[in-house]
């Protein structure tokens, strides 16, 4: 038997740098090199875009996501290249931010 894709997720204009699957909620969260993070359903529907924090928006402050993790409780933690952590709800609402000078891998 050959594996076939369950769904094709669209919406990013640049290469995907990180992704997380939350099977409990049926969600796929992905981040791209030069763009926002997106939330899709498991069958490929684009549900919402996770917007950058307002105080950091603008071309000179483009946030590049490096790591994403989703919880079964509906929280999404994103670590950006510049040392910023953001917590979003699955509804797309920014809940908290924190900056760090440490390099996270």
PDB file of N, CA and C in Angstrom:
ATOM      1  N   UNK A   1       0.824  -1.181   0.000  1.00  0.00           N
ATOM      2  CA  UNK A   1       0.000   0.000   0.000  1.00  0.00           C
ATOM      3  C   UNK A   1       0.872   1.250   0.000  1.00  0.00           C
ATOM      4  N   UNK A   2       0.403   2.254  -0.719  1.00  0.00           N
ATOM      5  CA  UNK A   2       1.096   3.531  -0.776  1.00  0.00           C
ATOM      6  C   UNK A   2       0.376   4.543   0.107  1.00  0.00           C
ATOM      7  N   UNK A   3       1.158   5.315   0.810  1.00  0.00           N
ATOM      8  CA  UNK A   3       0.582   6.371   1.644  1.00  0.00           C
ATOM      9  C   UNK A   3       0.152   7.531   0.755  1.00  0.00           C
ATOM     10  N   UNK A   4      -1.013   8.050   1.017  1.00  0.00           N
ATOM     11  CA  UNK A   4      -1.501   9.212   0.277  1.00  0.00           C
ATOM     12  C   UNK A   4      -1.807  10.321   1.280  1.00  0.00           C
ATOM     13  N   UNK A   5      -1.657  11.564   0.867  1.00  0.00           N
ATOM     14  CA  UNK A   5      -1.937  12.657   1.800  1.00  0.00           C
ATOM     15  C   UNK A   5      -3.412  12.707   2.165  1.00  0.00           C
ATOM     16  N   UNK A   6      -3.653  12.997   3.415  1.00  0.00           N
ATOM     17  CA  UNK A   6      -5.029  13.137   3.894  1.00  0.00           C
ATOM     18  C   UNK A   6      -5.624  14.470   3.463  1.00  0.00           C
ATOM     19  N   UNK A   7      -4.767  15.491   3.395  1.00  0.00           N
ATOM     20  CA  UNK A   7      -5.213  16.826   2.993  1.00  0.00           C
ATOM     21  C   UNK A   7      -4.013  17.623   2.528  1.00  0.00           C
ATOM     22  N   UNK A   8      -4.252  18.617   1.708  1.00  0.00           N
ATOM     23  CA  UNK A   8      -3.224  19.562   1.293  1.00  0.00           C
ATOM     24  C   UNK A   8      -3.563  20.893   1.948  1.00  0.00           C
ATOM     25  N   UNK A   9      -2.614  21.392   2.733  1.00  0.00           N
ATOM     26  CA  UNK A   9      -2.833  22.638   3.452  1.00  0.00           C
ATOM     27  C   UNK A   9      -2.235  23.793   2.649  1.00  0.00           C
ATOM     28  N   UNK A  10      -3.012  24.834   2.442  1.00  0.00           N
ATOM     29  CA  UNK A  10      -2.545  25.978   1.662  1.00  0.00           C
ATOM     30  C   UNK A  10      -2.649  27.248   2.496  1.00  0.00           C
ATOM     31  N   UNK A  11      -1.987  28.295   2.042  1.00  0.00           N
ATOM     32  CA  UNK A  11      -2.115  29.585   2.707  1.00  0.00           C
ATOM     33  C   UNK A  11      -0.801  30.291   2.944  1.00  0.00           C
ATOM     34  N   UNK A  12       0.310  29.565   2.984  1.00  0.00           N
ATOM     35  CA  UNK A  12       1.610  30.198   3.186  1.00  0.00           C
ATOM     36  C   UNK A  12       2.196  30.615   1.842  1.00  0.00           C
ATOM     37  N   UNK A  13       2.892  31.750   1.833  1.00  0.00           N
ATOM     38  CA  UNK A  13       3.570  32.222   0.631  1.00  0.00           C
ATOM     39  C   UNK A  13       5.040  31.814   0.607  1.00  0.00           C
ATOM     40  N   UNK A  14       5.575  31.385   1.747  1.00  0.00           N
ATOM     41  CA  UNK A  14       6.980  31.009   1.856  1.00  0.00           C
ATOM     42  C   UNK A  14       7.087  29.628   2.478  1.00  0.00           C
ATOM     43  N   UNK A  15       8.312  29.108   2.534  1.00  0.00           N
ATOM     44  CA  UNK A  15       8.527  27.759   3.044  1.00  0.00           C
ATOM     45  C   UNK A  15       8.122  27.630   4.508  1.00  0.00           C
ATOM     46  N   UNK A  16       7.635  26.470   4.864  1.00  0.00           N
ATOM     47  CA  UNK A  16       7.218  26.167   6.232  1.00  0.00           C
ATOM     48  C   UNK A  16       8.464  25.907   7.074  1.00  0.00           C
ATOM     49  N   UNK A  17       8.550  26.564   8.222  1.00  0.00           N
ATOM     50  CA  UNK A  17       9.704  26.386   9.101  1.00  0.00           C
ATOM     51  C   UNK A  17       9.373  25.559  10.338  1.00  0.00           C
ATOM     52  N   UNK A  18       8.094  25.476  10.698  1.00  0.00           N
ATOM     53  CA  UNK A  18       7.699  24.702  11.867  1.00  0.00           C
ATOM     54  C   UNK A  18       6.216  24.345  11.768  1.00  0.00           C
ATOM     55  N   UNK A  19       5.860  23.256  12.417  1.00  0.00           N
ATOM     56  CA  UNK A  19       4.461  22.820  12.407  1.00  0.00           C
ATOM     57  C   UNK A  19       4.197  21.954  13.626  1.00  0.00           C
ATOM     58  N   UNK A  20       2.942  21.922  14.034  1.00  0.00           N
ATOM     59  CA  UNK A  20       2.512  21.078  15.144  1.00  0.00           C
ATOM     60  C   UNK A  20       1.121  20.540  14.821  1.00  0.00           C
ATOM     61  N   UNK A  21       0.887  19.310  15.247  1.00  0.00           N
ATOM     62  CA  UNK A  21      -0.422  18.680  15.061  1.00  0.00           C
ATOM     63  C   UNK A  21      -1.023  18.438  16.431  1.00  0.00           C
ATOM     64  N   UNK A  22      -2.255  18.863  16.604  1.00  0.00           N
ATOM     65  CA  UNK A  22      -2.994  18.606  17.840  1.00  0.00           C
ATOM     66  C   UNK A  22      -4.148  17.677  17.473  1.00  0.00           C
ATOM     67  N   UNK A  23      -3.905  16.380  17.579  1.00  0.00           N
ATOM     68  CA  UNK A  23      -4.905  15.387  17.177  1.00  0.00           C
ATOM     69  C   UNK A  23      -6.164  15.473  18.025  1.00  0.00           C
ATOM     70  N   UNK A  24      -6.021  15.834  19.307  1.00  0.00           N
ATOM     71  CA  UNK A  24      -7.182  15.912  20.198  1.00  0.00           C
ATOM     72  C   UNK A  24      -8.187  16.952  19.717  1.00  0.00           C
ATOM     73  N   UNK A  25      -7.689  18.055  19.150  1.00  0.00           N
ATOM     74  CA  UNK A  25      -8.567  19.123  18.669  1.00  0.00           C
ATOM     75  C   UNK A  25      -8.749  19.092  17.154  1.00  0.00           C
ATOM     76  N   UNK A  26      -8.018  18.212  16.471  1.00  0.00           N
ATOM     77  CA  UNK A  26      -8.130  18.109  15.018  1.00  0.00           C
ATOM     78  C   UNK A  26      -7.548  19.301  14.294  1.00  0.00           C
ATOM     79  N   UNK A  27      -6.410  19.818  14.803  1.00  0.00           N
ATOM     80  CA  UNK A  27      -5.814  21.026  14.231  1.00  0.00           C
ATOM     81  C   UNK A  27      -4.374  20.806  13.798  1.00  0.00           C
ATOM     82  N   UNK A  28      -3.973  21.553  12.773  1.00  0.00           N
ATOM     83  CA  UNK A  28      -2.589  21.625  12.334  1.00  0.00           C
ATOM     84  C   UNK A  28      -2.202  23.098  12.377  1.00  0.00           C
ATOM     85  N   UNK A  29      -1.108  23.416  13.075  1.00  0.00           N
ATOM     86  CA  UNK A  29      -0.639  24.793  13.193  1.00  0.00           C
ATOM     87  C   UNK A  29       0.729  24.858  12.532  1.00  0.00           C
ATOM     88  N   UNK A  30       0.917  25.816  11.631  1.00  0.00           N
ATOM     89  CA  UNK A  30       2.168  25.895  10.895  1.00  0.00           C
ATOM     90  C   UNK A  30       2.648  27.340  10.811  1.00  0.00           C
ATOM     91  N   UNK A  31       3.967  27.482  10.720  1.00  0.00           N
ATOM     92  CA  UNK A  31       4.574  28.792  10.582  1.00  0.00           C
ATOM     93  C   UNK A  31       5.516  28.799   9.394  1.00  0.00           C
ATOM     94  N   UNK A  32       5.595  29.928   8.686  1.00  0.00           N
ATOM     95  CA  UNK A  32       6.456  30.002   7.514  1.00  0.00           C
ATOM     96  C   UNK A  32       7.575  31.018   7.722  1.00  0.00           C
ATOM     97  N   UNK A  33       8.543  30.961   6.835  1.00  0.00           N
ATOM     98  CA  UNK A  33       9.757  31.763   6.939  1.00  0.00           C
ATOM     99  C   UNK A  33       9.497  33.263   7.008  1.00  0.00           C
ATOM    100  N   UNK A  34       8.581  33.776   6.242  1.00  0.00           N
ATOM    101  CA  UNK A  34       8.334  35.220   6.185  1.00  0.00           C
ATOM    102  C   UNK A  34       6.877  35.572   6.416  1.00  0.00           C
ATOM    103  N   UNK A  35       6.158  34.742   7.129  1.00  0.00           N
ATOM    104  CA  UNK A  35       4.747  35.054   7.243  1.00  0.00           C
ATOM    105  C   UNK A  35       4.151  34.636   8.567  1.00  0.00           C
ATOM    106  N   UNK A  36       2.864  34.769   8.680  1.00  0.00           N
ATOM    107  CA  UNK A  36       2.190  34.449   9.936  1.00  0.00           C
ATOM    108  C   UNK A  36       2.045  32.948  10.135  1.00  0.00           C
ATOM    109  N   UNK A  37       1.622  32.571  11.317  1.00  0.00           N
ATOM    110  CA  UNK A  37       1.288  31.181  11.602  1.00  0.00           C
ATOM    111  C   UNK A  37      -0.183  30.969  11.258  1.00  0.00           C
ATOM    112  N   UNK A  38      -0.486  29.803  10.733  1.00  0.00           N
ATOM    113  CA  UNK A  38      -1.843  29.483  10.313  1.00  0.00           C
ATOM    114  C   UNK A  38      -2.360  28.277  11.065  1.00  0.00           C
ATOM    115  N   UNK A  39      -3.674  28.255  11.304  1.00  0.00           N
ATOM    116  CA  UNK A  39      -4.337  27.100  11.905  1.00  0.00           C
ATOM    117  C   UNK A  39      -5.265  26.499  10.848  1.00  0.00           C
ATOM    118  N   UNK A  40      -5.069  25.211  10.574  1.00  0.00           N
ATOM    119  CA  UNK A  40      -5.906  24.458   9.647  1.00  0.00           C
ATOM    120  C   UNK A  40      -6.612  23.334  10.396  1.00  0.00           C
ATOM    121  N   UNK A  41      -7.732  22.906   9.854  1.00  0.00           N
ATOM    122  CA  UNK A  41      -8.347  21.680  10.357  1.00  0.00           C
ATOM    123  C   UNK A  41      -7.591  20.507   9.745  1.00  0.00           C
ATOM    124  N   UNK A  42      -7.771  19.315  10.289  1.00  0.00           N
ATOM    125  CA  UNK A  42      -7.082  18.131   9.778  1.00  0.00           C
ATOM    126  C   UNK A  42      -7.489  17.784   8.346  1.00  0.00           C
ATOM    127  N   UNK A  43      -8.663  18.237   7.914  1.00  0.00           N
ATOM    128  CA  UNK A  43      -9.064  17.953   6.538  1.00  0.00           C
ATOM    129  C   UNK A  43      -8.712  19.092   5.590  1.00  0.00           C
ATOM    130  N   UNK A  44      -7.893  20.055   6.030  1.00  0.00           N
ATOM    131  CA  UNK A  44      -7.322  21.036   5.125  1.00  0.00           C
ATOM    132  C   UNK A  44      -7.955  22.404   5.098  1.00  0.00           C
ATOM    133  N   UNK A  45      -8.996  22.641   5.868  1.00  0.00           N
ATOM    134  CA  UNK A  45      -9.647  23.951   5.869  1.00  0.00           C
ATOM    135  C   UNK A  45      -8.812  24.958   6.666  1.00  0.00           C
ATOM    136  N   UNK A  46      -8.554  26.123   6.067  1.00  0.00           N
ATOM    137  CA  UNK A  46      -7.861  27.197   6.775  1.00  0.00           C
ATOM    138  C   UNK A  46      -8.842  27.837   7.742  1.00  0.00           C
ATOM    139  N   UNK A  47      -8.531  27.779   9.033  1.00  0.00           N
ATOM    140  CA  UNK A  47      -9.445  28.286  10.055  1.00  0.00           C
ATOM    141  C   UNK A  47      -9.135  29.717  10.463  1.00  0.00           C
ATOM    142  N   UNK A  48      -7.846  30.010  10.715  1.00  0.00           N
ATOM    143  CA  UNK A  48      -7.489  31.376  11.117  1.00  0.00           C
ATOM    144  C   UNK A  48      -5.994  31.606  11.004  1.00  0.00           C
ATOM    145  N   UNK A  49      -5.657  32.889  11.081  1.00  0.00           N
ATOM    146  CA  UNK A  49      -4.270  33.339  11.053  1.00  0.00           C
ATOM    147  C   UNK A  49      -3.920  33.884  12.424  1.00  0.00           C
ATOM    148  N   UNK A  50      -2.764  33.498  12.937  1.00  0.00           N
ATOM    149  CA  UNK A  50      -2.284  34.025  14.216  1.00  0.00           C
ATOM    150  C   UNK A  50      -1.443  35.257  13.918  1.00  0.00           C
ATOM    151  N   UNK A  51      -1.982  36.416  14.229  1.00  0.00           N
ATOM    152  CA  UNK A  51      -1.323  37.684  13.913  1.00  0.00           C
ATOM    153  C   UNK A  51      -0.186  37.961  14.894  1.00  0.00           C
ATOM    154  N   UNK A  52       0.845  38.627  14.382  1.00  0.00           N
ATOM    155  CA  UNK A  52       1.956  39.043  15.228  1.00  0.00           C
ATOM    156  C   UNK A  52       1.456  40.029  16.268  1.00  0.00           C
ATOM    157  N   UNK A  53       2.099  40.085  17.423  1.00  0.00           N
ATOM    158  CA  UNK A  53       1.716  41.092  18.418  1.00  0.00           C
ATOM    159  C   UNK A  53       1.782  42.491  17.815  1.00  0.00           C
ATOM    160  N   UNK A  54       0.799  43.325  18.123  1.00  0.00           N
ATOM    161  CA  UNK A  54       0.670  44.647  17.516  1.00  0.00           C
ATOM    162  C   UNK A  54       1.914  45.508  17.687  1.00  0.00           C
ATOM    163  N   UNK A  55       2.558  45.436  18.835  1.00  0.00           N
ATOM    164  CA  UNK A  55       3.699  46.304  19.080  1.00  0.00           C
ATOM    165  C   UNK A  55       4.911  45.914  18.234  1.00  0.00           C
ATOM    166  N   UNK A  56       4.883  44.745  17.598  1.00  0.00           N
ATOM    167  CA  UNK A  56       6.028  44.297  16.815  1.00  0.00           C
ATOM    168  C   UNK A  56       5.731  44.198  15.328  1.00  0.00           C
ATOM    169  N   UNK A  57       4.585  44.654  14.879  1.00  0.00           N
ATOM    170  CA  UNK A  57       4.235  44.551  13.472  1.00  0.00           C
ATOM    171  C   UNK A  57       5.018  45.548  12.635  1.00  0.00           C
ATOM    172  N   UNK A  58       5.160  45.222  11.371  1.00  0.00           N
ATOM    173  CA  UNK A  58       5.872  46.088  10.441  1.00  0.00           C
ATOM    174  C   UNK A  58       6.980  45.315   9.766  1.00  0.00           C
ATOM    175  N   UNK A  59       7.387  45.733   8.569  1.00  0.00           N
ATOM    176  CA  UNK A  59       8.382  44.985   7.812  1.00  0.00           C
ATOM    177  C   UNK A  59       9.736  44.886   8.503  1.00  0.00           C
ATOM    178  N   UNK A  60      10.109  45.898   9.266  1.00  0.00           N
ATOM    179  CA  UNK A  60      11.403  45.852   9.940  1.00  0.00           C
ATOM    180  C   UNK A  60      11.401  44.891  11.121  1.00  0.00           C
ATOM    181  N   UNK A  61      10.234  44.501  11.589  1.00  0.00           N
ATOM    182  CA  UNK A  61      10.115  43.601  12.738  1.00  0.00           C
ATOM    183  C   UNK A  61       9.456  42.276  12.378  1.00  0.00           C
ATOM    184  N   UNK A  62       9.626  41.819  11.153  1.00  0.00           N
ATOM    185  CA  UNK A  62       8.977  40.578  10.716  1.00  0.00           C
ATOM    186  C   UNK A  62       9.352  39.441  11.661  1.00  0.00           C
ATOM    187  N   UNK A  63       8.342  38.808  12.231  1.00  0.00           N
ATOM    188  CA  UNK A  63       8.583  37.705  13.149  1.00  0.00           C
ATOM    189  C   UNK A  63       8.669  36.406  12.364  1.00  0.00           C
ATOM    190  N   UNK A  64       9.721  35.638  12.623  1.00  0.00           N
ATOM    191  CA  UNK A  64       9.933  34.369  11.943  1.00  0.00           C
ATOM    192  C   UNK A  64       9.795  33.238  12.955  1.00  0.00           C
ATOM    193  N   UNK A  65       8.711  32.458  12.870  1.00  0.00           N
ATOM    194  CA  UNK A  65       8.518  31.379  13.838  1.00  0.00           C
ATOM    195  C   UNK A  65       9.529  30.257  13.651  1.00  0.00           C
ATOM    196  N   UNK A  66      10.058  29.754  14.771  1.00  0.00           N
ATOM    197  CA  UNK A  66      11.012  28.648  14.740  1.00  0.00           C
ATOM    198  C   UNK A  66      10.425  27.378  15.339  1.00  0.00           C
ATOM    199  N   UNK A  67       9.643  27.515  16.390  1.00  0.00           N
ATOM    200  CA  UNK A  67       9.068  26.350  17.073  1.00  0.00           C
ATOM    201  C   UNK A  67       7.605  26.613  17.394  1.00  0.00           C
ATOM    202  N   UNK A  68       6.796  25.569  17.258  1.00  0.00           N
ATOM    203  CA  UNK A  68       5.374  25.660  17.600  1.00  0.00           C
ATOM    204  C   UNK A  68       5.008  24.421  18.402  1.00  0.00           C
ATOM    205  N   UNK A  69       4.198  24.617  19.431  1.00  0.00           N
ATOM    206  CA  UNK A  69       3.644  23.495  20.180  1.00  0.00           C
ATOM    207  C   UNK A  69       2.205  23.818  20.542  1.00  0.00           C
ATOM    208  N   UNK A  70       1.340  22.849  20.374  1.00  0.00           N
ATOM    209  CA  UNK A  70      -0.078  23.022  20.704  1.00  0.00           C
ATOM    210  C   UNK A  70      -0.450  22.072  21.827  1.00  0.00           C
ATOM    211  N   UNK A  71      -1.365  22.513  22.678  1.00  0.00           N
ATOM    212  CA  UNK A  71      -1.826  21.663  23.781  1.00  0.00           C
ATOM    213  C   UNK A  71      -3.252  21.206  23.519  1.00  0.00           C
ATOM    214  N   UNK A  72      -3.633  20.144  24.176  1.00  0.00           N
ATOM    215  CA  UNK A  72      -5.006  19.635  24.017  1.00  0.00           C
ATOM    216  C   UNK A  72      -6.029  20.549  24.675  1.00  0.00           C
ATOM    217  N   UNK A  73      -5.560  21.496  25.499  1.00  0.00           N
ATOM    218  CA  UNK A  73      -6.460  22.463  26.128  1.00  0.00           C
ATOM    219  C   UNK A  73      -6.755  23.650  25.217  1.00  0.00           C
ATOM    220  N   UNK A  74      -6.102  23.717  24.070  1.00  0.00           N
ATOM    221  CA  UNK A  74      -6.386  24.789  23.127  1.00  0.00           C
ATOM    222  C   UNK A  74      -5.437  25.965  23.183  1.00  0.00           C
ATOM    223  N   UNK A  75      -4.209  25.749  23.659  1.00  0.00           N
ATOM    224  CA  UNK A  75      -3.198  26.799  23.680  1.00  0.00           C
ATOM    225  C   UNK A  75      -2.117  26.473  22.663  1.00  0.00           C
ATOM    226  N   UNK A  76      -1.608  27.504  22.043  1.00  0.00           N
ATOM    227  CA  UNK A  76      -0.538  27.352  21.068  1.00  0.00           C
ATOM    228  C   UNK A  76       0.618  28.245  21.491  1.00  0.00           C
ATOM    229  N   UNK A  77       1.801  27.656  21.699  1.00  0.00           N
ATOM    230  CA  UNK A  77       2.990  28.409  22.077  1.00  0.00           C
ATOM    231  C   UNK A  77       3.886  28.480  20.846  1.00  0.00           C
ATOM    232  N   UNK A  78       4.288  29.699  20.505  1.00  0.00           N
ATOM    233  CA  UNK A  78       5.161  29.900  19.352  1.00  0.00           C
ATOM    234  C   UNK A  78       6.417  30.607  19.832  1.00  0.00           C
ATOM    235  N   UNK A  79       7.562  30.072  19.432  1.00  0.00           N
ATOM    236  CA  UNK A  79       8.851  30.709  19.708  1.00  0.00           C
ATOM    237  C   UNK A  79       9.360  31.296  18.401  1.00  0.00           C
ATOM    238  N   UNK A  80       9.632  32.594  18.407  1.00  0.00           N
ATOM    239  CA  UNK A  80      10.089  33.290  17.213  1.00  0.00           C
ATOM    240  C   UNK A  80      11.603  33.462  17.245  1.00  0.00           C
ATOM    241  N   UNK A  81      12.186  33.648  16.067  1.00  0.00           N
ATOM    242  CA  UNK A  81      13.621  33.766  15.872  1.00  0.00           C
ATOM    243  C   UNK A  81      14.256  34.854  16.737  1.00  0.00           C
ATOM    244  N   UNK A  82      13.542  35.918  17.036  1.00  0.00           N
ATOM    245  CA  UNK A  82      14.103  37.041  17.796  1.00  0.00           C
ATOM    246  C   UNK A  82      14.037  36.840  19.312  1.00  0.00           C
ATOM    247  N   UNK A  83      13.658  35.649  19.781  1.00  0.00           N
ATOM    248  CA  UNK A  83      13.615  35.372  21.209  1.00  0.00           C
ATOM    249  C   UNK A  83      12.285  35.656  21.871  1.00  0.00           C
ATOM    250  N   UNK A  84      11.239  35.811  21.082  1.00  0.00           N
ATOM    251  CA  UNK A  84       9.913  36.113  21.613  1.00  0.00           C
ATOM    252  C   UNK A  84       9.065  34.845  21.691  1.00  0.00           C
ATOM    253  N   UNK A  85       8.470  34.607  22.848  1.00  0.00           N
ATOM    254  CA  UNK A  85       7.475  33.551  23.018  1.00  0.00           C
ATOM    255  C   UNK A  85       6.099  34.204  23.001  1.00  0.00           C
ATOM    256  N   UNK A  86       5.153  33.586  22.297  1.00  0.00           N
ATOM    257  CA  UNK A  86       3.765  34.049  22.307  1.00  0.00           C
ATOM    258  C   UNK A  86       2.854  32.861  22.579  1.00  0.00           C
ATOM    259  N   UNK A  87       1.831  33.098  23.371  1.00  0.00           N
ATOM    260  CA  UNK A  87       0.808  32.087  23.622  1.00  0.00           C
ATOM    261  C   UNK A  87      -0.492  32.592  23.015  1.00  0.00           C
ATOM    262  N   UNK A  88      -1.082  31.769  22.149  1.00  0.00           N
ATOM    263  CA  UNK A  88      -2.345  32.091  21.498  1.00  0.00           C
ATOM    264  C   UNK A  88      -3.387  31.059  21.900  1.00  0.00           C
ATOM    265  N   UNK A  89      -4.648  31.458  21.898  1.00  0.00           N
ATOM    266  CA  UNK A  89      -5.725  30.483  22.003  1.00  0.00           C
ATOM    267  C   UNK A  89      -5.974  29.948  20.602  1.00  0.00           C
ATOM    268  N   UNK A  90      -6.665  28.817  20.490  1.00  0.00           N
ATOM    269  CA  UNK A  90      -6.966  28.285  19.160  1.00  0.00           C
ATOM    270  C   UNK A  90      -7.952  29.174  18.420  1.00  0.00           C
ATOM    271  N   UNK A  91      -8.546  30.131  19.119  1.00  0.00           N
ATOM    272  CA  UNK A  91      -9.417  31.114  18.469  1.00  0.00           C
ATOM    273  C   UNK A  91      -8.618  32.268  17.867  1.00  0.00           C
ATOM    274  N   UNK A  92      -7.294  32.247  18.038  1.00  0.00           N
ATOM    275  CA  UNK A  92      -6.441  33.261  17.440  1.00  0.00           C
ATOM    276  C   UNK A  92      -6.147  34.450  18.326  1.00  0.00           C
ATOM    277  N   UNK A  93      -6.596  34.434  19.557  1.00  0.00           N
ATOM    278  CA  UNK A  93      -6.367  35.562  20.470  1.00  0.00           C
ATOM    279  C   UNK A  93      -5.003  35.422  21.156  1.00  0.00           C
ATOM    280  N   UNK A  94      -4.216  36.493  21.077  1.00  0.00           N
ATOM    281  CA  UNK A  94      -2.932  36.529  21.763  1.00  0.00           C
ATOM    282  C   UNK A  94      -3.190  36.617  23.261  1.00  0.00           C
ATOM    283  N   UNK A  95      -2.634  35.682  24.043  1.00  0.00           N
ATOM    284  CA  UNK A  95      -2.883  35.655  25.477  1.00  0.00           C
ATOM    285  C   UNK A  95      -1.710  36.149  26.302  1.00  0.00           C
ATOM    286  N   UNK A  96      -0.482  35.917  25.817  1.00  0.00           N
ATOM    287  CA  UNK A  96       0.684  36.356  26.583  1.00  0.00           C
ATOM    288  C   UNK A  96       1.909  36.390  25.677  1.00  0.00           C
ATOM    289  N   UNK A  97       2.876  37.232  26.051  1.00  0.00           N
ATOM    290  CA  UNK A  97       4.162  37.282  25.363  1.00  0.00           C
ATOM    291  C   UNK A  97       5.268  37.346  26.400  1.00  0.00           C
ATOM    292  N   UNK A  98       6.439  36.886  25.997  1.00  0.00           N
ATOM    293  CA  UNK A  98       7.613  36.950  26.867  1.00  0.00           C
ATOM    294  C   UNK A  98       8.848  36.939  25.987  1.00  0.00           C
ATOM    295  N   UNK A  99       9.793  37.818  26.280  1.00  0.00           N
ATOM    296  CA  UNK A  99      11.038  37.848  25.534  1.00  0.00           C
ATOM    297  C   UNK A  99      12.141  37.192  26.344  1.00  0.00           C
ATOM    298  N   UNK A 100      13.082  36.542  25.629  1.00  0.00           N
ATOM    299  CA  UNK A 100      14.204  35.911  26.285  1.00  0.00           C
ATOM    300  C   UNK A 100      15.461  36.134  25.447  1.00  0.00           C
ATOM    301  N   UNK A 101      16.598  36.187  26.112  1.00  0.00           N
ATOM    302  CA  UNK A 101      17.873  36.309  25.417  1.00  0.00           C
ATOM    303  C   UNK A 101      18.483  34.935  25.159  1.00  0.00           C
ATOM    304  N   UNK A 102      17.900  33.889  25.721  1.00  0.00           N
ATOM    305  CA  UNK A 102      18.421  32.531  25.544  1.00  0.00           C
ATOM    306  C   UNK A 102      18.126  32.022  24.155  1.00  0.00           C
ATOM    307  N   UNK A 103      18.966  31.147  23.655  1.00  0.00           N
ATOM    308  CA  UNK A 103      18.744  30.492  22.359  1.00  0.00           C
ATOM    309  C   UNK A 103      18.038  29.171  22.616  1.00  0.00           C
ATOM    310  N   UNK A 104      16.825  29.050  22.112  1.00  0.00           N
ATOM    311  CA  UNK A 104      15.998  27.867  22.334  1.00  0.00           C
ATOM    312  C   UNK A 104      16.115  26.964  21.118  1.00  0.00           C
ATOM    313  N   UNK A 105      16.263  25.672  21.354  1.00  0.00           N
ATOM    314  CA  UNK A 105      16.325  24.701  20.260  1.00  0.00           C
ATOM    315  C   UNK A 105      15.281  23.642  20.452  1.00  0.00           C
TER     316      UNK A 105
END
